[in-house]
């Protein structure tokens, strides 16, 4: 399958039914794993559910499902890692939106968690979602998964989320406000902030695969790195060219905060070309792999051509 050049938009369109099916699947699985609203007498479980179920593209769970499918992992076995990834992502968004961080009022077209509830409950909801992500991996009932595999999946998610991954990227981002970063520095930031959890979305299902040789794992790692960067580049572009209603979050927020972005560094045309280059890199990483990997090729096209 060729998803480069002028065919990318049509491929992205063809991927939408697959995307919706995976989104529906993970949404159902998330509701089964979140605490019920009557589990405590506080607003905490309600705020957790709000943060997780108020929309979203579910790119990380979709990536996990498509990777697992490519590697021969049964779909029902992928629900647990898909949920853990989305819970971790939701936690990061709740905390990113806080006044001490990006100070955003909108997320996915709705008030951010600290606006819908209050700042303290939002912090606790994020904390609880992060903890729950690890808990669902630890309690994974999958009879085909060994304890050592469970531990490795927990380790991979921790590495992607903590001081070597997403948290480090956010720290770099906050310290870079008002600074002029070069392309290498900007990409280092986003490999941590966005890319680390996207890579984990490939690595977790790979741990579950009975057969996944080092060459294939290396190709998937390269693919995930390219997809993670293209996702962020498109985010930066949309922050400039789209509108608040379409984005579901405040348009121009990065500019207002004087953050380093790809359009600021490369210009809009340069940023678009760079996103396309990352898409081509993602496809190249999968060269020679069979049609089982077509969903991953289509997902890359969807990411680079998305409008919100």
Protein backbone atom coordinates (compact mmCIF):
# COMPACT_ATOMS: atom_id res chain seq x y z
CA UNK A 1 0.00 0.00 0.00
CA UNK A 2 1.32 3.45 -0.95
CA UNK A 3 0.05 6.28 1.24
CA UNK A 4 2.45 8.98 0.12
CA UNK A 5 1.92 12.10 -1.93
CA UNK A 6 -1.52 12.93 -3.33
CA UNK A 7 -3.02 9.62 -2.15
CA UNK A 8 -2.55 10.38 1.56
CA UNK A 9 -5.82 12.28 1.94
CA UNK A 10 -7.89 9.47 0.40
CA UNK A 11 -6.09 6.88 2.54
CA UNK A 12 -6.78 8.96 5.65
CA UNK A 13 -10.45 9.06 4.63
CA UNK A 14 -10.50 5.28 4.18
CA UNK A 15 -9.03 4.88 7.66
CA UNK A 16 -11.87 6.78 9.37
CA UNK A 17 -14.22 3.76 9.77
CA UNK A 18 -11.38 1.76 11.33
CA UNK A 19 -10.57 4.72 13.58
CA UNK A 20 -14.19 5.04 14.73
CA UNK A 21 -14.42 1.32 15.47
CA UNK A 22 -11.31 1.44 17.66
CA UNK A 23 -12.50 4.64 19.35
CA UNK A 24 -15.83 3.01 20.21
CA UNK A 25 -14.05 -0.08 21.50
CA UNK A 26 -11.66 1.75 23.82
CA UNK A 27 -14.40 4.09 25.07
CA UNK A 28 -16.41 1.07 26.21
CA UNK A 29 -13.34 -0.53 27.79
CA UNK A 30 -12.47 2.69 29.63
CA UNK A 31 -15.92 2.91 31.20
CA UNK A 32 -15.51 -0.64 32.46
CA UNK A 33 -12.24 0.24 34.20
CA UNK A 34 -12.98 3.70 35.63
CA UNK A 35 -14.26 3.94 39.21
CA UNK A 36 -18.01 4.36 39.54
CA UNK A 37 -19.42 7.70 40.65
CA UNK A 38 -20.61 6.17 43.93
CA UNK A 39 -17.23 4.61 44.80
CA UNK A 40 -16.52 7.57 47.09
CA UNK A 41 -18.54 10.48 48.42
CA UNK A 42 -16.29 12.95 46.55
CA UNK A 43 -16.23 14.44 43.07
CA UNK A 44 -13.03 12.57 42.24
CA UNK A 45 -14.49 9.67 40.21
CA UNK A 46 -16.79 12.09 38.36
CA UNK A 47 -13.82 14.32 37.49
CA UNK A 48 -11.79 11.29 36.35
CA UNK A 49 -14.60 10.17 34.06
CA UNK A 50 -15.00 13.74 32.75
CA UNK A 51 -11.30 13.95 31.89
CA UNK A 52 -11.28 10.64 30.05
CA UNK A 53 -14.66 10.57 28.30
CA UNK A 54 -15.04 14.14 27.01
CA UNK A 55 -13.98 13.26 23.48
CA UNK A 56 -10.55 12.90 21.95
CA UNK A 57 -9.04 11.21 18.92
CA UNK A 58 -7.75 8.20 20.90
CA UNK A 59 -4.62 8.09 18.74
CA UNK A 60 -2.60 6.16 21.33
CA UNK A 61 -5.15 3.36 21.83
CA UNK A 62 -5.70 3.20 18.06
CA UNK A 63 -1.97 2.85 17.56
CA UNK A 64 -1.89 0.06 20.13
CA UNK A 65 -4.77 -1.79 18.45
CA UNK A 66 -3.24 -1.44 14.97
CA UNK A 67 0.22 -2.48 16.16
CA UNK A 68 -1.14 -5.47 18.02
CA UNK A 69 -3.17 -6.51 15.00
CA UNK A 70 -0.08 -6.26 12.80
CA UNK A 71 1.82 -8.51 15.22
CA UNK A 72 -0.97 -11.08 15.51
CA UNK A 73 -2.26 -10.14 18.98
CA UNK A 74 -5.98 -10.79 19.44
CA UNK A 75 -8.05 -7.61 19.69
CA UNK A 76 -9.64 -8.40 23.06
CA UNK A 77 -6.17 -8.71 24.62
CA UNK A 78 -5.33 -5.14 23.59
CA UNK A 79 -8.10 -3.40 25.54
CA UNK A 80 -6.10 -3.21 28.77
CA UNK A 81 -2.95 -1.56 27.35
CA UNK A 82 -5.14 0.71 25.19
CA UNK A 83 -6.95 1.91 28.32
CA UNK A 84 -3.73 2.36 30.28
CA UNK A 85 -2.28 4.52 27.49
CA UNK A 86 -5.39 6.70 27.25
CA UNK A 87 -5.59 7.14 31.03
CA UNK A 88 -1.98 8.26 31.10
CA UNK A 89 -2.62 10.64 28.21
CA UNK A 90 -5.74 12.04 29.91
CA UNK A 91 -3.81 12.63 33.12
CA UNK A 92 -1.18 14.57 31.19
CA UNK A 93 -3.82 16.78 29.55
CA UNK A 94 -5.51 17.56 32.88
CA UNK A 95 -2.20 18.65 34.37
CA UNK A 96 -1.00 20.47 31.23
CA UNK A 97 -4.14 22.61 31.33
CA UNK A 98 -3.62 23.75 34.94
CA UNK A 99 -2.86 27.44 35.70
CA UNK A 100 0.71 26.53 36.72
CA UNK A 101 1.29 24.91 33.33
CA UNK A 102 -0.44 26.04 30.10
CA UNK A 103 -3.43 27.65 31.87
CA UNK A 104 -6.06 26.58 29.32
CA UNK A 105 -9.83 26.97 29.69
CA UNK A 106 -10.90 24.62 26.86
CA UNK A 107 -10.10 21.02 26.05
CA UNK A 108 -11.93 19.06 23.34
CA UNK A 109 -14.49 21.85 23.09
CA UNK A 110 -15.44 21.70 26.76
CA UNK A 111 -14.21 23.43 29.92
CA UNK A 112 -10.93 21.96 31.13
CA UNK A 113 -11.09 19.76 34.20
CA UNK A 114 -10.01 22.50 36.62
CA UNK A 115 -12.69 24.79 35.16
CA UNK A 116 -15.45 22.18 35.27
CA UNK A 117 -14.58 21.24 38.86
CA UNK A 118 -11.77 23.10 40.62
CA UNK A 119 -7.99 23.10 40.59
CA UNK A 120 -7.52 20.74 43.53
CA UNK A 121 -9.94 18.12 42.21
CA UNK A 122 -8.33 18.37 38.76
CA UNK A 123 -4.89 17.70 40.22
CA UNK A 124 -6.23 14.71 42.15
CA UNK A 125 -8.10 13.42 39.10
CA UNK A 126 -4.88 13.51 37.10
CA UNK A 127 -2.97 11.79 39.91
CA UNK A 128 -5.63 9.08 40.17
CA UNK A 129 -5.71 8.47 36.40
CA UNK A 130 -1.94 8.07 36.33
CA UNK A 131 -2.10 5.54 39.18
CA UNK A 132 -5.01 3.72 37.55
CA UNK A 133 -3.06 3.33 34.31
CA UNK A 134 -0.44 1.29 36.14
CA UNK A 135 -3.07 -0.59 38.15
CA UNK A 136 -4.93 -1.85 35.07
CA UNK A 137 -1.64 -3.13 33.62
CA UNK A 138 -0.73 -4.84 36.89
CA UNK A 139 -4.17 -6.47 37.21
CA UNK A 140 -4.38 -7.45 33.54
CA UNK A 141 -6.42 -10.70 33.54
CA UNK A 142 -4.93 -11.87 30.22
CA UNK A 143 -4.10 -15.59 30.79
CA UNK A 144 -1.56 -15.53 27.94
CA UNK A 145 0.51 -12.78 29.57
CA UNK A 146 3.31 -13.77 31.93
CA UNK A 147 4.12 -11.80 35.07
CA UNK A 148 7.45 -10.77 33.53
CA UNK A 149 5.62 -9.40 30.49
CA UNK A 150 3.27 -7.44 32.77
CA UNK A 151 6.26 -5.96 34.59
CA UNK A 152 7.90 -5.00 31.29
CA UNK A 153 4.72 -3.25 30.13
CA UNK A 154 4.53 -1.33 33.42
CA UNK A 155 8.18 -0.37 33.03
CA UNK A 156 7.68 0.81 29.45
CA UNK A 157 4.73 2.98 30.44
CA UNK A 158 6.66 4.41 33.40
CA UNK A 159 9.67 5.24 31.22
CA UNK A 160 7.44 6.92 28.65
CA UNK A 161 5.61 9.00 31.26
CA UNK A 162 8.25 10.07 33.76
CA UNK A 163 11.59 11.81 34.03
CA UNK A 164 12.90 10.19 30.84
CA UNK A 165 9.73 10.80 28.85
CA UNK A 166 6.58 12.89 28.93
CA UNK A 167 7.27 14.74 32.20
CA UNK A 168 10.74 15.64 30.98
CA UNK A 169 9.28 16.98 27.74
CA UNK A 170 6.81 19.16 29.61
CA UNK A 171 9.63 20.52 31.78
CA UNK A 172 11.67 21.36 28.67
CA UNK A 173 8.58 23.00 27.16
CA UNK A 174 7.96 25.21 30.20
CA UNK A 175 11.60 26.25 30.43
CA UNK A 176 11.72 27.02 26.69
CA UNK A 177 8.99 29.70 26.80
CA UNK A 178 10.40 32.83 25.21
CA UNK A 179 13.54 31.00 24.07
CA UNK A 180 14.72 30.39 20.51
CA UNK A 181 15.20 26.67 19.98
CA UNK A 182 16.81 25.16 16.91
CA UNK A 183 15.17 22.24 15.10
CA UNK A 184 17.17 19.59 16.96
CA UNK A 185 16.24 21.10 20.33
CA UNK A 186 12.57 21.42 19.36
CA UNK A 187 12.42 17.81 18.21
CA UNK A 188 14.17 16.61 21.36
CA UNK A 189 11.47 18.33 23.41
CA UNK A 190 8.65 16.73 21.45
CA UNK A 191 10.27 13.28 21.35
CA UNK A 192 9.84 13.39 25.10
CA UNK A 193 6.60 15.34 25.53
CA UNK A 194 4.53 13.72 22.76
CA UNK A 195 6.65 11.03 21.19
CA UNK A 196 7.49 8.96 24.26
CA UNK A 197 3.90 7.91 24.96
CA UNK A 198 3.28 7.33 21.26
CA UNK A 199 6.30 5.00 21.21
CA UNK A 200 4.88 3.22 24.25
CA UNK A 201 1.70 2.67 22.24
CA UNK A 202 3.79 0.51 19.92
CA UNK A 203 5.97 -1.12 22.57
CA UNK A 204 3.18 -2.33 24.87
CA UNK A 205 1.45 -4.51 22.26
CA UNK A 206 4.86 -5.65 21.00
CA UNK A 207 5.54 -7.11 24.46
CA UNK A 208 2.34 -9.15 24.08
CA UNK A 209 3.27 -10.58 20.68
CA UNK A 210 4.51 -14.15 20.65
CA UNK A 211 6.69 -13.42 17.65
CA UNK A 212 8.22 -9.98 17.16
CA UNK A 213 11.86 -10.08 16.12
CA UNK A 214 14.37 -7.32 16.78
CA UNK A 215 14.26 -6.04 13.19
CA UNK A 216 10.49 -5.56 13.26
CA UNK A 217 10.68 -3.93 16.70
CA UNK A 218 13.35 -1.55 15.43
CA UNK A 219 11.19 -0.64 12.44
CA UNK A 220 8.17 -0.04 14.68
CA UNK A 221 10.26 2.12 16.98
CA UNK A 222 11.40 4.22 14.00
CA UNK A 223 7.82 4.41 12.72
CA UNK A 224 6.51 5.57 16.10
CA UNK A 225 9.22 8.23 16.37
CA UNK A 226 8.29 9.68 12.99
CA UNK A 227 4.54 9.52 13.70
CA UNK A 228 5.03 11.21 17.06
CA UNK A 229 6.82 14.14 15.46
CA UNK A 230 4.34 14.48 12.58
CA UNK A 231 1.50 14.54 15.13
CA UNK A 232 3.13 17.42 17.00
CA UNK A 233 4.03 19.35 13.85
CA UNK A 234 0.40 19.20 12.68
CA UNK A 235 -0.74 20.30 16.16
CA UNK A 236 1.51 23.35 15.88
CA UNK A 237 0.23 24.14 12.38
CA UNK A 238 -3.41 23.86 13.43
CA UNK A 239 -2.78 26.20 16.35
CA UNK A 240 -1.99 28.85 13.73
CA UNK A 241 -4.42 28.15 10.89
CA UNK A 242 -7.50 26.65 12.54
CA UNK A 243 -10.08 28.13 14.92
CA UNK A 244 -11.08 27.45 18.50
CA UNK A 245 -14.35 25.71 17.60
CA UNK A 246 -12.66 23.28 15.21
CA UNK A 247 -9.71 22.61 17.48
CA UNK A 248 -11.76 22.21 20.64
CA UNK A 249 -9.13 24.21 22.48
CA UNK A 250 -8.00 27.81 22.44
CA UNK A 251 -6.59 28.69 19.02
CA UNK A 252 -3.31 30.59 19.12
CA UNK A 253 -2.49 29.47 22.66
CA UNK A 254 1.10 28.58 21.76
CA UNK A 255 1.65 31.99 20.17
CA UNK A 256 0.11 33.76 23.16
CA UNK A 257 2.44 31.88 25.51
CA UNK A 258 5.44 32.60 23.25
CA UNK A 259 6.23 28.90 22.94
CA UNK A 260 8.71 27.52 20.42
CA UNK A 261 6.79 25.83 17.57
CA UNK A 262 7.49 24.37 14.16
CA UNK A 263 5.72 27.17 12.22
CA UNK A 264 7.64 29.78 14.23
CA UNK A 265 10.91 28.07 13.36
CA UNK A 266 10.24 26.82 9.82
CA UNK A 267 7.28 28.92 8.63
CA UNK A 268 3.94 27.34 7.75
CA UNK A 269 5.07 25.92 4.41
CA UNK A 270 8.27 24.58 5.96
CA UNK A 271 6.34 23.00 8.82
CA UNK A 272 3.92 21.35 6.40
CA UNK A 273 6.82 19.98 4.37
CA UNK A 274 8.48 18.69 7.54
CA UNK A 275 5.27 16.93 8.62
CA UNK A 276 5.05 15.31 5.19
CA UNK A 277 8.68 14.24 5.49
CA UNK A 278 7.93 12.58 8.84
CA UNK A 279 5.02 10.73 7.21
CA UNK A 280 7.35 9.49 4.46
CA UNK A 281 9.81 8.37 7.15
CA UNK A 282 7.08 6.45 8.92
CA UNK A 283 6.17 4.67 5.69
CA UNK A 284 9.81 3.94 4.92
CA UNK A 285 10.21 2.30 8.32
CA UNK A 286 7.53 -0.21 7.33
CA UNK A 287 8.97 -0.95 3.88
CA UNK A 288 8.99 -4.66 3.15
CA UNK A 289 6.54 -5.51 5.92
CA UNK A 290 3.32 -7.12 4.84
CA UNK A 291 -0.27 -5.99 4.52
CA UNK A 292 -0.77 -6.68 8.25
CA UNK A 293 0.91 -3.31 8.76
CA UNK A 294 -1.43 -1.39 6.42
CA UNK A 295 -3.44 0.07 9.30
CA UNK A 296 -0.25 1.66 10.64
CA UNK A 297 0.44 3.13 7.21
CA UNK A 298 -3.10 4.50 7.08
CA UNK A 299 -2.84 5.90 10.61
CA UNK A 300 0.24 7.90 9.64
CA UNK A 301 -1.67 9.36 6.68
CA UNK A 302 -4.58 10.22 8.95
CA UNK A 303 -2.29 11.99 11.43
CA UNK A 304 -0.56 14.13 8.84
CA UNK A 305 -3.82 15.11 7.08
CA UNK A 306 -6.04 15.72 10.12
CA UNK A 307 -7.81 19.05 10.57
CA UNK A 308 -8.32 19.03 14.34
